[in-house]
């Protein structure tokens, strides 16, 4: 069970790193040096919008994934109550972060 937990954590971290890398495209890549000043400005503005959308979507996706994982480890053939409670807690934290991000976004708009 410990090995499966390590794999899940590593996959989550790898997924978040991939999302951050894609959100920063083409910055911090070998193609960055080929951009003109205008292309840099356009890409930076696009990335700011993309970061806001990714920051709002990521906790919701993780909450759903942790919730499904919690239920499957609780009701599966090899049920593990501790893993189910931990994943359920992670799901609740992700939902709380999602709600805080949405609430903060509503307050900023005039």
C-alpha atoms as a PDB file:
ATOM      1  CA  UNK A   1       0.000   0.000   0.000  1.00  0.00           C
ATOM      2  CA  UNK A   2       2.909   2.339   0.755  1.00  0.00           C
ATOM      3  CA  UNK A   3       4.253   1.899  -2.790  1.00  0.00           C
ATOM      4  CA  UNK A   4       0.863   2.803  -4.268  1.00  0.00           C
ATOM      5  CA  UNK A   5       0.702   5.895  -2.051  1.00  0.00           C
ATOM      6  CA  UNK A   6       4.152   7.016  -3.221  1.00  0.00           C
ATOM      7  CA  UNK A   7       3.136   6.525  -6.858  1.00  0.00           C
ATOM      8  CA  UNK A   8      -0.049   8.570  -6.358  1.00  0.00           C
ATOM      9  CA  UNK A   9       1.878  11.414  -4.714  1.00  0.00           C
ATOM     10  CA  UNK A  10       4.544  11.430  -7.430  1.00  0.00           C
ATOM     11  CA  UNK A  11       1.922  11.413 -10.190  1.00  0.00           C
ATOM     12  CA  UNK A  12       0.096  14.310  -8.537  1.00  0.00           C
ATOM     13  CA  UNK A  13       3.303  16.328  -8.265  1.00  0.00           C
ATOM     14  CA  UNK A  14       4.251  15.490 -11.866  1.00  0.00           C
ATOM     15  CA  UNK A  15       0.796  16.523 -13.075  1.00  0.00           C
ATOM     16  CA  UNK A  16       0.953  19.841 -11.257  1.00  0.00           C
ATOM     17  CA  UNK A  17       4.466  20.493 -12.592  1.00  0.00           C
ATOM     18  CA  UNK A  18       3.290  19.738 -16.124  1.00  0.00           C
ATOM     19  CA  UNK A  19       0.331  22.100 -15.727  1.00  0.00           C
ATOM     20  CA  UNK A  20       2.614  24.879 -14.478  1.00  0.00           C
ATOM     21  CA  UNK A  21       5.040  24.308 -17.353  1.00  0.00           C
ATOM     22  CA  UNK A  22       2.236  24.424 -19.925  1.00  0.00           C
ATOM     23  CA  UNK A  23       0.795  27.535 -18.290  1.00  0.00           C
ATOM     24  CA  UNK A  24       4.165  29.307 -18.686  1.00  0.00           C
ATOM     25  CA  UNK A  25       4.631  28.330 -22.321  1.00  0.00           C
ATOM     26  CA  UNK A  26       6.861  29.511 -24.121  1.00  0.00           C
ATOM     27  CA  UNK A  27       8.706  31.092 -21.187  1.00  0.00           C
ATOM     28  CA  UNK A  28      11.470  29.065 -19.505  1.00  0.00           C
ATOM     29  CA  UNK A  29      11.842  26.955 -22.649  1.00  0.00           C
ATOM     30  CA  UNK A  30      14.474  26.942 -25.400  1.00  0.00           C
ATOM     31  CA  UNK A  31      12.012  28.787 -27.680  1.00  0.00           C
ATOM     32  CA  UNK A  32      11.913  31.840 -25.411  1.00  0.00           C
ATOM     33  CA  UNK A  33      15.019  33.398 -27.002  1.00  0.00           C
ATOM     34  CA  UNK A  34      13.309  33.538 -30.419  1.00  0.00           C
ATOM     35  CA  UNK A  35      10.469  35.801 -29.229  1.00  0.00           C
ATOM     36  CA  UNK A  36      10.258  39.478 -30.099  1.00  0.00           C
ATOM     37  CA  UNK A  37       9.262  42.072 -27.503  1.00  0.00           C
ATOM     38  CA  UNK A  38       5.691  42.201 -28.834  1.00  0.00           C
ATOM     39  CA  UNK A  39       5.361  38.407 -28.794  1.00  0.00           C
ATOM     40  CA  UNK A  40       6.655  38.355 -25.200  1.00  0.00           C
ATOM     41  CA  UNK A  41       4.037  40.911 -24.157  1.00  0.00           C
ATOM     42  CA  UNK A  42       1.220  39.000 -25.857  1.00  0.00           C
ATOM     43  CA  UNK A  43       2.323  35.669 -24.378  1.00  0.00           C
ATOM     44  CA  UNK A  44       2.715  37.175 -20.907  1.00  0.00           C
ATOM     45  CA  UNK A  45      -0.843  38.587 -21.003  1.00  0.00           C
ATOM     46  CA  UNK A  46      -2.182  35.245 -22.211  1.00  0.00           C
ATOM     47  CA  UNK A  47      -0.284  33.375 -19.490  1.00  0.00           C
ATOM     48  CA  UNK A  48      -1.727  35.610 -16.746  1.00  0.00           C
ATOM     49  CA  UNK A  49      -5.256  34.718 -17.862  1.00  0.00           C
ATOM     50  CA  UNK A  50      -4.279  31.069 -18.180  1.00  0.00           C
ATOM     51  CA  UNK A  51      -2.760  31.030 -14.676  1.00  0.00           C
ATOM     52  CA  UNK A  52      -5.999  32.303 -13.149  1.00  0.00           C
ATOM     53  CA  UNK A  53      -8.022  29.638 -14.946  1.00  0.00           C
ATOM     54  CA  UNK A  54      -5.550  26.871 -14.060  1.00  0.00           C
ATOM     55  CA  UNK A  55      -5.402  27.996 -10.435  1.00  0.00           C
ATOM     56  CA  UNK A  56      -9.179  27.752 -10.185  1.00  0.00           C
ATOM     57  CA  UNK A  57      -9.500  24.422 -12.006  1.00  0.00           C
ATOM     58  CA  UNK A  58      -6.658  22.522 -10.337  1.00  0.00           C
ATOM     59  CA  UNK A  59      -8.095  22.287  -6.786  1.00  0.00           C
ATOM     60  CA  UNK A  60     -11.458  21.173  -8.138  1.00  0.00           C
ATOM     61  CA  UNK A  61      -9.891  18.437 -10.275  1.00  0.00           C
ATOM     62  CA  UNK A  62      -7.738  17.288  -7.359  1.00  0.00           C
ATOM     63  CA  UNK A  63     -10.761  17.286  -5.020  1.00  0.00           C
ATOM     64  CA  UNK A  64     -12.654  15.023  -7.392  1.00  0.00           C
ATOM     65  CA  UNK A  65      -9.640  12.720  -7.849  1.00  0.00           C
ATOM     66  CA  UNK A  66      -9.018  12.478  -4.106  1.00  0.00           C
ATOM     67  CA  UNK A  67     -12.722  11.866  -3.475  1.00  0.00           C
ATOM     68  CA  UNK A  68     -12.813   9.022  -5.986  1.00  0.00           C
ATOM     69  CA  UNK A  69      -9.604   7.601  -4.525  1.00  0.00           C
ATOM     70  CA  UNK A  70     -11.023   7.851  -1.024  1.00  0.00           C
ATOM     71  CA  UNK A  71     -14.189   6.012  -1.942  1.00  0.00           C
ATOM     72  CA  UNK A  72     -12.334   3.317  -3.873  1.00  0.00           C
ATOM     73  CA  UNK A  73      -9.885   2.669  -1.029  1.00  0.00           C
ATOM     74  CA  UNK A  74     -12.760   2.576   1.470  1.00  0.00           C
ATOM     75  CA  UNK A  75     -15.028   0.211  -0.465  1.00  0.00           C
ATOM     76  CA  UNK A  76     -12.502  -1.805  -2.486  1.00  0.00           C
ATOM     77  CA  UNK A  77     -11.532  -5.414  -1.884  1.00  0.00           C
ATOM     78  CA  UNK A  78      -8.444  -4.281   0.031  1.00  0.00           C
ATOM     79  CA  UNK A  79     -10.163  -1.519   1.989  1.00  0.00           C
ATOM     80  CA  UNK A  80      -7.870   0.751   3.977  1.00  0.00           C
ATOM     81  CA  UNK A  81      -9.673   3.051   6.388  1.00  0.00           C
ATOM     82  CA  UNK A  82      -6.626   5.233   7.097  1.00  0.00           C
ATOM     83  CA  UNK A  83      -5.971   5.879   3.385  1.00  0.00           C
ATOM     84  CA  UNK A  84      -9.649   6.632   2.818  1.00  0.00           C
ATOM     85  CA  UNK A  85      -9.711   9.171   5.658  1.00  0.00           C
ATOM     86  CA  UNK A  86      -6.478  10.846   4.489  1.00  0.00           C
ATOM     87  CA  UNK A  87      -7.677  11.110   0.891  1.00  0.00           C
ATOM     88  CA  UNK A  88     -11.058  12.374   2.077  1.00  0.00           C
ATOM     89  CA  UNK A  89      -9.275  15.032   4.112  1.00  0.00           C
ATOM     90  CA  UNK A  90      -7.199  16.029   1.092  1.00  0.00           C
ATOM     91  CA  UNK A  91     -10.395  16.271  -0.931  1.00  0.00           C
ATOM     92  CA  UNK A  92     -11.973  18.520   1.694  1.00  0.00           C
ATOM     93  CA  UNK A  93      -8.891  20.765   1.754  1.00  0.00           C
ATOM     94  CA  UNK A  94      -8.944  21.047  -2.052  1.00  0.00           C
ATOM     95  CA  UNK A  95     -12.636  21.992  -1.987  1.00  0.00           C
ATOM     96  CA  UNK A  96     -11.864  24.645   0.638  1.00  0.00           C
ATOM     97  CA  UNK A  97      -9.036  26.085  -1.475  1.00  0.00           C
ATOM     98  CA  UNK A  98     -11.318  26.108  -4.526  1.00  0.00           C
ATOM     99  CA  UNK A  99     -14.053  27.931  -2.599  1.00  0.00           C
ATOM    100  CA  UNK A 100     -11.541  30.473  -1.265  1.00  0.00           C
ATOM    101  CA  UNK A 101     -10.203  31.162  -4.757  1.00  0.00           C
ATOM    102  CA  UNK A 102     -13.686  31.645  -6.175  1.00  0.00           C
ATOM    103  CA  UNK A 103     -14.707  33.896  -3.270  1.00  0.00           C
ATOM    104  CA  UNK A 104     -11.554  36.003  -3.630  1.00  0.00           C
ATOM    105  CA  UNK A 105     -12.134  36.320  -7.391  1.00  0.00           C
ATOM    106  CA  UNK A 106     -15.663  37.653  -6.841  1.00  0.00           C
ATOM    107  CA  UNK A 107     -14.466  40.268  -4.378  1.00  0.00           C
ATOM    108  CA  UNK A 108     -11.948  41.754  -6.800  1.00  0.00           C
ATOM    109  CA  UNK A 109     -14.400  42.521  -9.563  1.00  0.00           C
ATOM    110  CA  UNK A 110     -16.159  45.875  -9.378  1.00  0.00           C
END
